[in-house]
Amino acid sequence: MSEPRRLEVLRAIVEDYVHSREPVGSKALVDRHGLGVSAATIRNDMAALEEEGLIVAPHTSAGRIPTEKGYRRFVDRIEDVKPLSPAERRAIQSLLEGSDDMDVVLDRTVRLLAQLTHQVAVIQVPRFSDAKVRHIELVGLGAGQALVVLISTTGKVEQRVALLAPETTDADLHELKSAFLTAAAGRRMDDVRDLCQAAADQLPPRLAPAGGQLAAALGALARNSGVERIIMAGTANLARATGDFSHTITPVLEALEEQVVLLRLFSEMEQDAHGISVSIGSEHAHGSLAEASVVATGYVAGSTAKVGVLGPTRMDYPNSIAAVRAVARYLSRILAG
């Protein structure tokens, strides 16, 4: 029974330290957690945990705090993540529903996730190259102009105005739209430019000039939308956790600002059996985040884009995992609709 009990002691130390930020002693564990054994037995368990490198005594304190290895063992032993409360689920549903604009939905998502977890919330905007063409729309604006709209299977809408010959009619635009949709619908965004250009090359001579202009516009929309970027919220939560960083939070803030570090980290994180990725401290190869943890998961089918939270290693992992998973599920449902 010693190994299961030691894991219970580790769990109690992690939970108490995350809650209080104070080193945890054996007497506090006996008083608060009802482990069913004496303080002397708990001290022996703590000594074994310390020898294994799972907890450590900071300075001369009589209490212990978890190490990175201890947090990892704790996270790997999380079996049942407590679901969010009905009020939290209603908040997610009411905030994320009611908009067809993906940028608005993603912005609401990170703000909500930051509020639920008290961490920095980050969301990777789906790359168009990961997605496929859902729809193309061409709308005549008059005066030789047309609005070109490209919609992906991720729900992202890109649009721009193209200049055409003044004699281009709405009927011409309808015919051109049909030609481009036939060529590109359901195909990868990376292939849009070539597919639309090939379709334009097959048009009758009277539509060829407008077809060439519109094919170029669609190709540019698909190419520009392939740029990776991140939306985030809750950096003030990180500022309130300065005591969890040995020196300064500046490297973490700089990594958030650069975005490329987070994008690379997201691409490197491996998911567990439940689809959740947890990277703790020096587990990730980015020195600026050596004292931070990231919890993330994918949220849109056919894309590598992730949503998650970043904070100090002294993180409420069960709550963060539950919130990230719940938000991702709602978001996936909305974008699929």
C-alpha atoms as a PDB file:
ATOM      1  CA  MET A   1       0.000   0.000   0.000  1.00  0.00           C
ATOM      2  CA  SER A   2       2.997   2.327   0.387  1.00  0.00           C
ATOM      3  CA  GLU A   3       3.181   3.369  -3.285  1.00  0.00           C
ATOM      4  CA  PRO A   4      -0.523   4.301  -3.674  1.00  0.00           C
ATOM      5  CA  ARG A   5      -0.374   6.152  -0.349  1.00  0.00           C
ATOM      6  CA  ARG A   6       2.732   8.064  -1.401  1.00  0.00           C
ATOM      7  CA  LEU A   7       0.941   9.131  -4.562  1.00  0.00           C
ATOM      8  CA  GLU A   8      -1.930  10.326  -2.367  1.00  0.00           C
ATOM      9  CA  VAL A   9       0.568  12.285  -0.265  1.00  0.00           C
ATOM     10  CA  LEU A  10       2.047  13.792  -3.449  1.00  0.00           C
ATOM     11  CA  ARG A  11      -1.434  14.715  -4.663  1.00  0.00           C
ATOM     12  CA  ALA A  12      -2.204  16.409  -1.346  1.00  0.00           C
ATOM     13  CA  ILE A  13       1.088  18.342  -1.391  1.00  0.00           C
ATOM     14  CA  VAL A  14       0.463  19.555  -4.952  1.00  0.00           C
ATOM     15  CA  GLU A  15      -3.105  20.596  -4.187  1.00  0.00           C
ATOM     16  CA  ASP A  16      -2.175  22.423  -0.986  1.00  0.00           C
ATOM     17  CA  TYR A  17       0.822  24.177  -2.508  1.00  0.00           C
ATOM     18  CA  VAL A  18      -1.141  25.280  -5.595  1.00  0.00           C
ATOM     19  CA  HIS A  19      -3.827  26.682  -3.301  1.00  0.00           C
ATOM     20  CA  SER A  20      -1.602  28.390  -0.725  1.00  0.00           C
ATOM     21  CA  ARG A  21       1.822  28.879  -2.356  1.00  0.00           C
ATOM     22  CA  GLU A  22       3.222  27.828   1.054  1.00  0.00           C
ATOM     23  CA  PRO A  23       5.451  24.781   1.672  1.00  0.00           C
ATOM     24  CA  VAL A  24       3.407  21.864   3.006  1.00  0.00           C
ATOM     25  CA  GLY A  25       4.288  19.980   6.202  1.00  0.00           C
ATOM     26  CA  SER A  26       3.241  16.540   7.465  1.00  0.00           C
ATOM     27  CA  LYS A  27       0.979  17.912  10.206  1.00  0.00           C
ATOM     28  CA  ALA A  28      -0.994  19.990   7.689  1.00  0.00           C
ATOM     29  CA  LEU A  29      -1.440  16.911   5.500  1.00  0.00           C
ATOM     30  CA  VAL A  30      -2.764  14.861   8.413  1.00  0.00           C
ATOM     31  CA  ASP A  31      -5.114  17.654   9.525  1.00  0.00           C
ATOM     32  CA  ARG A  32      -6.513  18.510   6.089  1.00  0.00           C
ATOM     33  CA  HIS A  33      -6.601  15.317   4.053  1.00  0.00           C
ATOM     34  CA  GLY A  34      -7.607  12.460   6.322  1.00  0.00           C
ATOM     35  CA  LEU A  35      -4.994  10.092   4.911  1.00  0.00           C
ATOM     36  CA  GLY A  36      -5.636   7.588   7.700  1.00  0.00           C
ATOM     37  CA  VAL A  37      -2.039   7.310   8.894  1.00  0.00           C
ATOM     38  CA  SER A  38       0.125   9.073  11.466  1.00  0.00           C
ATOM     39  CA  ALA A  39       2.233  12.162  10.908  1.00  0.00           C
ATOM     40  CA  ALA A  40       5.333   9.968  11.343  1.00  0.00           C
ATOM     41  CA  THR A  41       4.212   7.722   8.486  1.00  0.00           C
ATOM     42  CA  ILE A  42       3.521  10.791   6.341  1.00  0.00           C
ATOM     43  CA  ARG A  43       7.032  12.086   7.114  1.00  0.00           C
ATOM     44  CA  ASN A  44       8.475   8.760   5.949  1.00  0.00           C
ATOM     45  CA  ASP A  45       6.426   8.988   2.746  1.00  0.00           C
ATOM     46  CA  MET A  46       7.597  12.545   2.197  1.00  0.00           C
ATOM     47  CA  ALA A  47      11.204  11.453   2.653  1.00  0.00           C
ATOM     48  CA  ALA A  48      10.689   8.773  -0.005  1.00  0.00           C
ATOM     49  CA  LEU A  49       9.083  11.302  -2.352  1.00  0.00           C
ATOM     50  CA  GLU A  50      11.969  13.678  -1.782  1.00  0.00           C
ATOM     51  CA  GLU A  51      14.506  10.946  -2.464  1.00  0.00           C
ATOM     52  CA  GLU A  52      12.678  10.240  -5.733  1.00  0.00           C
ATOM     53  CA  GLY A  53      12.961  13.903  -6.692  1.00  0.00           C
ATOM     54  CA  LEU A  54       9.194  14.562  -6.601  1.00  0.00           C
ATOM     55  CA  ILE A  55       9.235  17.129  -3.781  1.00  0.00           C
ATOM     56  CA  VAL A  56      11.901  19.404  -2.323  1.00  0.00           C
ATOM     57  CA  ALA A  57      12.474  21.559   0.738  1.00  0.00           C
ATOM     58  CA  PRO A  58      12.838  25.220  -0.271  1.00  0.00           C
ATOM     59  CA  HIS A  59      15.552  26.942   1.749  1.00  0.00           C
ATOM     60  CA  THR A  60      15.299  25.896   5.399  1.00  0.00           C
ATOM     61  CA  SER A  61      11.548  25.410   5.452  1.00  0.00           C
ATOM     62  CA  ALA A  62      10.139  22.442   7.303  1.00  0.00           C
ATOM     63  CA  GLY A  63       7.569  21.998   4.553  1.00  0.00           C
ATOM     64  CA  ARG A  64       7.933  20.637   1.018  1.00  0.00           C
ATOM     65  CA  ILE A  65       6.897  21.820  -2.429  1.00  0.00           C
ATOM     66  CA  PRO A  66       6.502  19.835  -5.665  1.00  0.00           C
ATOM     67  CA  THR A  67       9.288  19.694  -8.242  1.00  0.00           C
ATOM     68  CA  GLU A  68       8.705  19.636 -11.994  1.00  0.00           C
ATOM     69  CA  LYS A  69       9.006  15.864 -11.790  1.00  0.00           C
ATOM     70  CA  GLY A  70       6.423  15.875  -9.019  1.00  0.00           C
ATOM     71  CA  TYR A  71       3.976  17.935 -11.079  1.00  0.00           C
ATOM     72  CA  ARG A  72       4.506  15.559 -14.002  1.00  0.00           C
ATOM     73  CA  ARG A  73       3.783  12.493 -11.851  1.00  0.00           C
ATOM     74  CA  PHE A  74       0.677  14.260 -10.490  1.00  0.00           C
ATOM     75  CA  VAL A  75      -0.578  15.180 -13.976  1.00  0.00           C
ATOM     76  CA  ASP A  76       0.059  11.678 -15.331  1.00  0.00           C
ATOM     77  CA  ARG A  77      -2.036  10.230 -12.486  1.00  0.00           C
ATOM     78  CA  ILE A  78      -5.034  12.484 -13.090  1.00  0.00           C
ATOM     79  CA  GLU A  79      -7.765  10.042 -14.075  1.00  0.00           C
ATOM     80  CA  ASP A  80     -11.072  11.807 -13.556  1.00  0.00           C
ATOM     81  CA  VAL A  81     -11.077  15.510 -14.326  1.00  0.00           C
ATOM     82  CA  LYS A  82     -13.857  17.240 -12.449  1.00  0.00           C
ATOM     83  CA  PRO A  83     -16.349  18.632 -14.983  1.00  0.00           C
ATOM     84  CA  LEU A  84     -17.066  22.325 -15.055  1.00  0.00           C
ATOM     85  CA  SER A  85     -20.048  23.528 -13.050  1.00  0.00           C
ATOM     86  CA  PRO A  86     -23.403  24.059 -14.808  1.00  0.00           C
ATOM     87  CA  ALA A  87     -22.891  27.834 -14.431  1.00  0.00           C
ATOM     88  CA  GLU A  88     -19.478  27.634 -16.114  1.00  0.00           C
ATOM     89  CA  ARG A  89     -20.877  25.523 -18.953  1.00  0.00           C
ATOM     90  CA  ARG A  90     -23.745  27.971 -19.472  1.00  0.00           C
ATOM     91  CA  ALA A  91     -21.247  30.845 -19.551  1.00  0.00           C
ATOM     92  CA  ILE A  92     -19.222  29.114 -22.256  1.00  0.00           C
ATOM     93  CA  GLN A  93     -22.297  28.336 -24.344  1.00  0.00           C
ATOM     94  CA  SER A  94     -23.843  31.801 -24.092  1.00  0.00           C
ATOM     95  CA  LEU A  95     -20.593  33.633 -24.819  1.00  0.00           C
ATOM     96  CA  LEU A  96     -19.415  31.540 -27.752  1.00  0.00           C
ATOM     97  CA  GLU A  97     -22.734  31.205 -29.543  1.00  0.00           C
ATOM     98  CA  GLY A  98     -24.390  33.985 -31.489  1.00  0.00           C
ATOM     99  CA  SER A  99     -21.682  35.007 -33.939  1.00  0.00           C
ATOM    100  CA  ASP A 100     -20.768  33.690 -37.386  1.00  0.00           C
ATOM    101  CA  ASP A 101     -17.487  35.611 -37.463  1.00  0.00           C
ATOM    102  CA  MET A 102     -14.701  33.241 -36.469  1.00  0.00           C
ATOM    103  CA  ASP A 103     -12.383  36.039 -35.303  1.00  0.00           C
ATOM    104  CA  VAL A 104     -15.081  37.235 -32.891  1.00  0.00           C
ATOM    105  CA  VAL A 105     -15.640  33.697 -31.606  1.00  0.00           C
ATOM    106  CA  LEU A 106     -11.903  33.108 -31.088  1.00  0.00           C
ATOM    107  CA  ASP A 107     -11.488  36.431 -29.288  1.00  0.00           C
ATOM    108  CA  ARG A 108     -14.381  35.583 -26.960  1.00  0.00           C
ATOM    109  CA  THR A 109     -12.869  32.131 -26.397  1.00  0.00           C
ATOM    110  CA  VAL A 110      -9.523  33.355 -25.080  1.00  0.00           C
ATOM    111  CA  ARG A 111     -11.122  35.955 -22.825  1.00  0.00           C
ATOM    112  CA  LEU A 112     -13.463  33.337 -21.363  1.00  0.00           C
ATOM    113  CA  LEU A 113     -10.691  30.767 -20.899  1.00  0.00           C
ATOM    114  CA  ALA A 114      -8.509  33.332 -19.121  1.00  0.00           C
ATOM    115  CA  GLN A 115     -11.390  34.072 -16.731  1.00  0.00           C
ATOM    116  CA  LEU A 116     -12.084  30.380 -16.036  1.00  0.00           C
ATOM    117  CA  THR A 117      -8.460  29.409 -15.335  1.00  0.00           C
ATOM    118  CA  HIS A 118      -6.834  32.666 -14.136  1.00  0.00           C
ATOM    119  CA  GLN A 119      -4.010  31.923 -16.593  1.00  0.00           C
ATOM    120  CA  VAL A 120      -2.914  33.371 -19.924  1.00  0.00           C
ATOM    121  CA  ALA A 121      -5.239  31.911 -22.569  1.00  0.00           C
ATOM    122  CA  VAL A 122      -3.892  31.370 -26.072  1.00  0.00           C
ATOM    123  CA  ILE A 123      -5.527  30.148 -29.251  1.00  0.00           C
ATOM    124  CA  GLN A 124      -3.854  29.304 -32.521  1.00  0.00           C
ATOM    125  CA  VAL A 125      -5.882  30.601 -35.465  1.00  0.00           C
ATOM    126  CA  PRO A 126      -6.432  27.721 -37.890  1.00  0.00           C
ATOM    127  CA  ARG A 127      -4.232  27.919 -40.940  1.00  0.00           C
ATOM    128  CA  PHE A 128      -6.144  27.922 -44.187  1.00  0.00           C
ATOM    129  CA  SER A 129      -3.599  25.484 -45.592  1.00  0.00           C
ATOM    130  CA  ASP A 130      -4.875  22.970 -43.016  1.00  0.00           C
ATOM    131  CA  ALA A 131      -8.432  23.482 -44.217  1.00  0.00           C
ATOM    132  CA  LYS A 132     -10.449  23.077 -47.377  1.00  0.00           C
ATOM    133  CA  VAL A 133     -12.696  25.316 -49.442  1.00  0.00           C
ATOM    134  CA  ARG A 134     -16.262  25.431 -48.168  1.00  0.00           C
ATOM    135  CA  HIS A 135     -17.605  28.175 -50.424  1.00  0.00           C
ATOM    136  CA  ILE A 136     -16.683  30.946 -52.851  1.00  0.00           C
ATOM    137  CA  GLU A 137     -18.850  34.013 -53.390  1.00  0.00           C
ATOM    138  CA  LEU A 138     -18.529  36.778 -55.983  1.00  0.00           C
ATOM    139  CA  VAL A 139     -20.649  39.883 -55.442  1.00  0.00           C
ATOM    140  CA  GLY A 140     -20.877  42.691 -57.984  1.00  0.00           C
ATOM    141  CA  LEU A 141     -20.358  46.140 -56.456  1.00  0.00           C
ATOM    142  CA  GLY A 142     -20.766  48.164 -59.622  1.00  0.00           C
ATOM    143  CA  ALA A 143     -18.227  50.464 -61.268  1.00  0.00           C
ATOM    144  CA  GLY A 144     -16.090  47.520 -62.362  1.00  0.00           C
ATOM    145  CA  GLN A 145     -15.634  46.092 -58.867  1.00  0.00           C
ATOM    146  CA  ALA A 146     -16.519  42.751 -57.280  1.00  0.00           C
ATOM    147  CA  LEU A 147     -16.260  41.474 -53.721  1.00  0.00           C
ATOM    148  CA  VAL A 148     -14.390  38.152 -53.657  1.00  0.00           C
ATOM    149  CA  VAL A 149     -15.213  35.953 -50.636  1.00  0.00           C
ATOM    150  CA  LEU A 150     -13.396  32.741 -49.710  1.00  0.00           C
ATOM    151  CA  ILE A 151     -14.779  30.605 -46.864  1.00  0.00           C
ATOM    152  CA  SER A 152     -12.881  27.657 -45.408  1.00  0.00           C
ATOM    153  CA  THR A 153     -14.111  24.555 -43.631  1.00  0.00           C
ATOM    154  CA  THR A 154     -12.744  26.067 -40.396  1.00  0.00           C
ATOM    155  CA  GLY A 155     -15.303  28.874 -40.671  1.00  0.00           C
ATOM    156  CA  LYS A 156     -12.710  31.505 -41.554  1.00  0.00           C
ATOM    157  CA  VAL A 157     -13.972  34.149 -44.004  1.00  0.00           C
ATOM    158  CA  GLU A 158     -11.507  36.085 -46.155  1.00  0.00           C
ATOM    159  CA  GLN A 159     -12.530  38.777 -48.603  1.00  0.00           C
ATOM    160  CA  ARG A 160     -11.152  41.482 -50.842  1.00  0.00           C
ATOM    161  CA  VAL A 161     -12.308  43.728 -53.677  1.00  0.00           C
ATOM    162  CA  ALA A 162     -11.154  42.926 -57.220  1.00  0.00           C
ATOM    163  CA  LEU A 163     -11.157  45.345 -60.146  1.00  0.00           C
ATOM    164  CA  LEU A 164     -12.882  44.044 -63.288  1.00  0.00           C
ATOM    165  CA  ALA A 165     -13.940  45.375 -66.647  1.00  0.00           C
ATOM    166  CA  PRO A 166     -16.989  47.647 -66.201  1.00  0.00           C
ATOM    167  CA  GLU A 167     -19.051  45.500 -68.574  1.00  0.00           C
ATOM    168  CA  THR A 168     -18.823  42.437 -66.272  1.00  0.00           C
ATOM    169  CA  THR A 169     -22.392  41.509 -65.332  1.00  0.00           C
ATOM    170  CA  ASP A 170     -23.910  39.708 -62.353  1.00  0.00           C
ATOM    171  CA  ALA A 171     -24.653  36.801 -64.691  1.00  0.00           C
ATOM    172  CA  ASP A 172     -20.958  36.669 -65.607  1.00  0.00           C
ATOM    173  CA  LEU A 173     -20.018  36.615 -61.926  1.00  0.00           C
ATOM    174  CA  HIS A 174     -22.463  33.778 -61.285  1.00  0.00           C
ATOM    175  CA  GLU A 175     -20.920  31.771 -64.119  1.00  0.00           C
ATOM    176  CA  LEU A 176     -17.424  32.481 -62.856  1.00  0.00           C
ATOM    177  CA  LYS A 177     -18.361  31.482 -59.319  1.00  0.00           C
ATOM    178  CA  SER A 178     -19.730  28.168 -60.582  1.00  0.00           C
ATOM    179  CA  ALA A 179     -16.513  27.504 -62.493  1.00  0.00           C
ATOM    180  CA  PHE A 180     -14.298  28.240 -59.475  1.00  0.00           C
ATOM    181  CA  LEU A 181     -16.477  26.240 -57.074  1.00  0.00           C
ATOM    182  CA  THR A 182     -16.463  23.262 -59.408  1.00  0.00           C
ATOM    183  CA  ALA A 183     -12.680  23.410 -59.468  1.00  0.00           C
ATOM    184  CA  ALA A 184     -11.913  24.191 -55.842  1.00  0.00           C
ATOM    185  CA  ALA A 185     -14.777  23.169 -53.527  1.00  0.00           C
ATOM    186  CA  GLY A 186     -13.590  20.599 -50.988  1.00  0.00           C
ATOM    187  CA  ARG A 187      -9.972  20.998 -52.039  1.00  0.00           C
ATOM    188  CA  ARG A 188      -7.054  22.142 -49.867  1.00  0.00           C
ATOM    189  CA  MET A 189      -6.439  25.859 -49.476  1.00  0.00           C
ATOM    190  CA  ASP A 190      -2.826  25.410 -50.538  1.00  0.00           C
ATOM    191  CA  ASP A 191      -4.105  24.349 -53.969  1.00  0.00           C
ATOM    192  CA  VAL A 192      -6.602  27.170 -54.506  1.00  0.00           C
ATOM    193  CA  ARG A 193      -4.381  29.381 -56.658  1.00  0.00           C
ATOM    194  CA  ASP A 194      -3.460  26.645 -59.133  1.00  0.00           C
ATOM    195  CA  LEU A 195      -6.974  25.189 -59.254  1.00  0.00           C
ATOM    196  CA  CYS A 196      -8.623  28.556 -59.880  1.00  0.00           C
ATOM    197  CA  GLN A 197      -6.045  29.544 -62.488  1.00  0.00           C
ATOM    198  CA  ALA A 198      -6.607  26.247 -64.301  1.00  0.00           C
ATOM    199  CA  ALA A 199     -10.357  26.903 -64.220  1.00  0.00           C
ATOM    200  CA  ALA A 200      -9.805  30.439 -65.574  1.00  0.00           C
ATOM    201  CA  ASP A 201      -7.727  29.041 -68.452  1.00  0.00           C
ATOM    202  CA  GLN A 202     -10.746  26.976 -69.539  1.00  0.00           C
ATOM    203  CA  LEU A 203     -13.208  29.885 -69.606  1.00  0.00           C
ATOM    204  CA  PRO A 204     -14.713  31.216 -72.846  1.00  0.00           C
ATOM    205  CA  PRO A 205     -12.839  34.259 -74.240  1.00  0.00           C
ATOM    206  CA  ARG A 206     -15.450  36.772 -73.058  1.00  0.00           C
ATOM    207  CA  LEU A 207     -14.892  35.722 -69.405  1.00  0.00           C
ATOM    208  CA  ALA A 208     -11.147  35.150 -69.566  1.00  0.00           C
ATOM    209  CA  PRO A 209     -10.013  38.644 -68.414  1.00  0.00           C
ATOM    210  CA  ALA A 210     -12.355  38.710 -65.391  1.00  0.00           C
ATOM    211  CA  GLY A 211     -11.585  35.059 -64.684  1.00  0.00           C
ATOM    212  CA  GLY A 212      -7.867  35.754 -64.535  1.00  0.00           C
ATOM    213  CA  GLN A 213      -8.341  38.680 -62.151  1.00  0.00           C
ATOM    214  CA  LEU A 214     -10.648  36.733 -59.864  1.00  0.00           C
ATOM    215  CA  ALA A 215      -8.437  33.624 -59.858  1.00  0.00           C
ATOM    216  CA  ALA A 216      -5.507  35.806 -58.765  1.00  0.00           C
ATOM    217  CA  ALA A 217      -7.626  37.376 -56.006  1.00  0.00           C
ATOM    218  CA  LEU A 218      -8.734  33.969 -54.701  1.00  0.00           C
ATOM    219  CA  GLY A 219      -5.150  32.718 -54.768  1.00  0.00           C
ATOM    220  CA  ALA A 220      -3.987  35.758 -52.799  1.00  0.00           C
ATOM    221  CA  LEU A 221      -6.717  35.255 -50.189  1.00  0.00           C
ATOM    222  CA  ALA A 222      -5.728  31.621 -49.701  1.00  0.00           C
ATOM    223  CA  ARG A 223      -2.019  32.473 -49.511  1.00  0.00           C
ATOM    224  CA  ASN A 224      -2.376  35.374 -47.067  1.00  0.00           C
ATOM    225  CA  SER A 225      -4.604  33.354 -44.791  1.00  0.00           C
ATOM    226  CA  GLY A 226      -1.933  30.698 -44.404  1.00  0.00           C
ATOM    227  CA  VAL A 227       0.040  32.959 -42.046  1.00  0.00           C
ATOM    228  CA  GLU A 228       0.091  31.472 -38.554  1.00  0.00           C
ATOM    229  CA  ARG A 229      -0.887  33.679 -35.641  1.00  0.00           C
ATOM    230  CA  ILE A 230      -2.055  33.485 -32.065  1.00  0.00           C
ATOM    231  CA  ILE A 231      -4.748  35.364 -30.160  1.00  0.00           C
ATOM    232  CA  MET A 232      -4.289  35.677 -26.408  1.00  0.00           C
ATOM    233  CA  ALA A 233      -5.866  37.165 -23.309  1.00  0.00           C
ATOM    234  CA  GLY A 234      -5.151  37.305 -19.591  1.00  0.00           C
ATOM    235  CA  THR A 235      -1.520  38.428 -19.496  1.00  0.00           C
ATOM    236  CA  ALA A 236      -2.461  40.337 -16.333  1.00  0.00           C
ATOM    237  CA  ASN A 237      -2.957  36.930 -14.676  1.00  0.00           C
ATOM    238  CA  LEU A 238       0.711  36.199 -15.326  1.00  0.00           C
ATOM    239  CA  ALA A 239       1.735  39.520 -13.792  1.00  0.00           C
ATOM    240  CA  ARG A 240      -0.100  38.535 -10.611  1.00  0.00           C
ATOM    241  CA  ALA A 241       1.956  35.331 -10.433  1.00  0.00           C
ATOM    242  CA  THR A 242       5.388  36.962 -10.357  1.00  0.00           C
ATOM    243  CA  GLY A 243       6.164  35.186  -7.069  1.00  0.00           C
ATOM    244  CA  ASP A 244       6.139  31.868  -8.935  1.00  0.00           C
ATOM    245  CA  PHE A 245       9.103  32.856 -11.084  1.00  0.00           C
ATOM    246  CA  SER A 246      12.602  32.860  -9.599  1.00  0.00           C
ATOM    247  CA  HIS A 247      13.750  36.031 -11.316  1.00  0.00           C
ATOM    248  CA  THR A 248      11.318  37.835 -13.597  1.00  0.00           C
ATOM    249  CA  ILE A 249       8.391  37.144 -15.899  1.00  0.00           C
ATOM    250  CA  THR A 250       9.990  39.209 -18.672  1.00  0.00           C
ATOM    251  CA  PRO A 251      11.221  36.180 -20.705  1.00  0.00           C
ATOM    252  CA  VAL A 252       7.736  34.684 -20.613  1.00  0.00           C
ATOM    253  CA  LEU A 253       6.140  37.959 -21.706  1.00  0.00           C
ATOM    254  CA  GLU A 254       8.661  38.250 -24.534  1.00  0.00           C
ATOM    255  CA  ALA A 255       7.896  34.709 -25.673  1.00  0.00           C
ATOM    256  CA  LEU A 256       4.189  35.524 -25.705  1.00  0.00           C
ATOM    257  CA  GLU A 257       4.822  38.673 -27.694  1.00  0.00           C
ATOM    258  CA  GLU A 258       6.992  36.929 -30.282  1.00  0.00           C
ATOM    259  CA  GLN A 259       4.357  34.195 -30.828  1.00  0.00           C
ATOM    260  CA  VAL A 260       6.764  32.055 -32.875  1.00  0.00           C
ATOM    261  CA  VAL A 261       7.917  30.341 -29.641  1.00  0.00           C
ATOM    262  CA  LEU A 262       4.347  29.384 -28.742  1.00  0.00           C
ATOM    263  CA  LEU A 263       3.579  28.269 -32.285  1.00  0.00           C
ATOM    264  CA  ARG A 264       6.629  26.009 -32.232  1.00  0.00           C
ATOM    265  CA  LEU A 265       5.723  24.699 -28.780  1.00  0.00           C
ATOM    266  CA  PHE A 266       2.171  23.916 -29.880  1.00  0.00           C
ATOM    267  CA  SER A 267       3.507  21.940 -32.853  1.00  0.00           C
ATOM    268  CA  GLU A 268       5.844  19.923 -30.585  1.00  0.00           C
ATOM    269  CA  MET A 269       3.350  19.028 -27.840  1.00  0.00           C
ATOM    270  CA  GLU A 270       2.076  15.444 -27.818  1.00  0.00           C
ATOM    271  CA  GLN A 271      -1.474  14.660 -26.776  1.00  0.00           C
ATOM    272  CA  ASP A 272      -2.451  12.053 -24.211  1.00  0.00           C
ATOM    273  CA  ALA A 273      -5.177   9.444 -24.635  1.00  0.00           C
ATOM    274  CA  HIS A 274      -7.799  12.121 -23.896  1.00  0.00           C
ATOM    275  CA  GLY A 275      -6.462  14.533 -26.514  1.00  0.00           C
ATOM    276  CA  ILE A 276      -4.869  16.889 -23.969  1.00  0.00           C
ATOM    277  CA  SER A 277      -1.256  18.082 -24.076  1.00  0.00           C
ATOM    278  CA  VAL A 278       0.522  19.203 -20.891  1.00  0.00           C
ATOM    279  CA  SER A 279       4.069  20.558 -21.061  1.00  0.00           C
ATOM    280  CA  ILE A 280       5.722  21.391 -17.729  1.00  0.00           C
ATOM    281  CA  GLY A 281       8.706  23.688 -17.210  1.00  0.00           C
ATOM    282  CA  SER A 282      11.951  22.487 -18.759  1.00  0.00           C
ATOM    283  CA  GLU A 283      10.127  19.674 -20.594  1.00  0.00           C
ATOM    284  CA  HIS A 284       9.817  22.121 -23.468  1.00  0.00           C
ATOM    285  CA  ALA A 285      13.041  23.129 -25.145  1.00  0.00           C
ATOM    286  CA  HIS A 286      12.360  26.860 -24.962  1.00  0.00           C
ATOM    287  CA  GLY A 287      14.427  28.447 -22.187  1.00  0.00           C
ATOM    288  CA  SER A 288      12.177  31.488 -21.910  1.00  0.00           C
ATOM    289  CA  LEU A 289       9.350  29.198 -20.741  1.00  0.00           C
ATOM    290  CA  ALA A 290      11.439  27.042 -18.393  1.00  0.00           C
ATOM    291  CA  GLU A 291       9.321  28.046 -15.381  1.00  0.00           C
ATOM    292  CA  ALA A 292       5.978  27.893 -17.166  1.00  0.00           C
ATOM    293  CA  SER A 293       3.486  25.153 -17.984  1.00  0.00           C
ATOM    294  CA  VAL A 294       1.153  24.882 -20.957  1.00  0.00           C
ATOM    295  CA  VAL A 295      -2.098  22.913 -21.206  1.00  0.00           C
ATOM    296  CA  ALA A 296      -3.524  22.666 -24.728  1.00  0.00           C
ATOM    297  CA  THR A 297      -5.711  20.648 -27.073  1.00  0.00           C
ATOM    298  CA  GLY A 298      -6.882  20.737 -30.673  1.00  0.00           C
ATOM    299  CA  TYR A 299     -10.267  22.248 -31.393  1.00  0.00           C
ATOM    300  CA  VAL A 300     -11.053  22.059 -35.106  1.00  0.00           C
ATOM    301  CA  ALA A 301     -11.203  18.982 -37.313  1.00  0.00           C
ATOM    302  CA  GLY A 302      -8.651  18.814 -40.102  1.00  0.00           C
ATOM    303  CA  SER A 303      -6.349  21.375 -38.485  1.00  0.00           C
ATOM    304  CA  THR A 304      -3.356  21.301 -36.145  1.00  0.00           C
ATOM    305  CA  ALA A 305      -4.524  24.496 -34.407  1.00  0.00           C
ATOM    306  CA  LYS A 306      -4.689  24.347 -30.595  1.00  0.00           C
ATOM    307  CA  VAL A 307      -6.295  26.250 -27.754  1.00  0.00           C
ATOM    308  CA  GLY A 308      -4.826  26.313 -24.266  1.00  0.00           C
ATOM    309  CA  VAL A 309      -3.494  28.153 -21.253  1.00  0.00           C
ATOM    310  CA  LEU A 310      -0.031  29.141 -20.066  1.00  0.00           C
ATOM    311  CA  GLY A 311       0.961  29.879 -16.493  1.00  0.00           C
ATOM    312  CA  PRO A 312       3.493  29.072 -13.784  1.00  0.00           C
ATOM    313  CA  THR A 313       4.286  25.439 -13.008  1.00  0.00           C
ATOM    314  CA  ARG A 314       2.321  26.023  -9.781  1.00  0.00           C
ATOM    315  CA  MET A 315      -0.876  25.636 -11.793  1.00  0.00           C
ATOM    316  CA  ASP A 316      -4.249  24.140 -10.928  1.00  0.00           C
ATOM    317  CA  TYR A 317      -3.831  21.390 -13.525  1.00  0.00           C
ATOM    318  CA  PRO A 318      -7.177  19.589 -13.061  1.00  0.00           C
ATOM    319  CA  ASN A 319      -9.127  22.852 -13.412  1.00  0.00           C
ATOM    320  CA  SER A 320      -7.029  24.015 -16.362  1.00  0.00           C
ATOM    321  CA  ILE A 321      -7.417  20.678 -18.150  1.00  0.00           C
ATOM    322  CA  ALA A 322     -11.181  20.651 -17.551  1.00  0.00           C
ATOM    323  CA  ALA A 323     -11.622  24.237 -18.791  1.00  0.00           C
ATOM    324  CA  VAL A 324      -9.435  23.786 -21.876  1.00  0.00           C
ATOM    325  CA  ARG A 325     -11.209  20.575 -22.826  1.00  0.00           C
ATOM    326  CA  ALA A 326     -14.698  21.992 -22.315  1.00  0.00           C
ATOM    327  CA  VAL A 327     -13.995  25.214 -24.217  1.00  0.00           C
ATOM    328  CA  ALA A 328     -12.393  23.272 -27.082  1.00  0.00           C
ATOM    329  CA  ARG A 329     -15.461  21.036 -27.378  1.00  0.00           C
ATOM    330  CA  TYR A 330     -17.887  23.958 -27.509  1.00  0.00           C
ATOM    331  CA  LEU A 331     -15.653  25.793 -29.970  1.00  0.00           C
ATOM    332  CA  SER A 332     -15.337  22.740 -32.213  1.00  0.00           C
ATOM    333  CA  ARG A 333     -19.113  22.318 -32.227  1.00  0.00           C
ATOM    334  CA  ILE A 334     -19.694  25.960 -33.158  1.00  0.00           C
ATOM    335  CA  LEU A 335     -17.132  25.992 -35.961  1.00  0.00           C
ATOM    336  CA  ALA A 336     -18.428  22.713 -37.375  1.00  0.00           C
ATOM    337  CA  GLY A 337     -21.949  24.167 -37.509  1.00  0.00           C
END
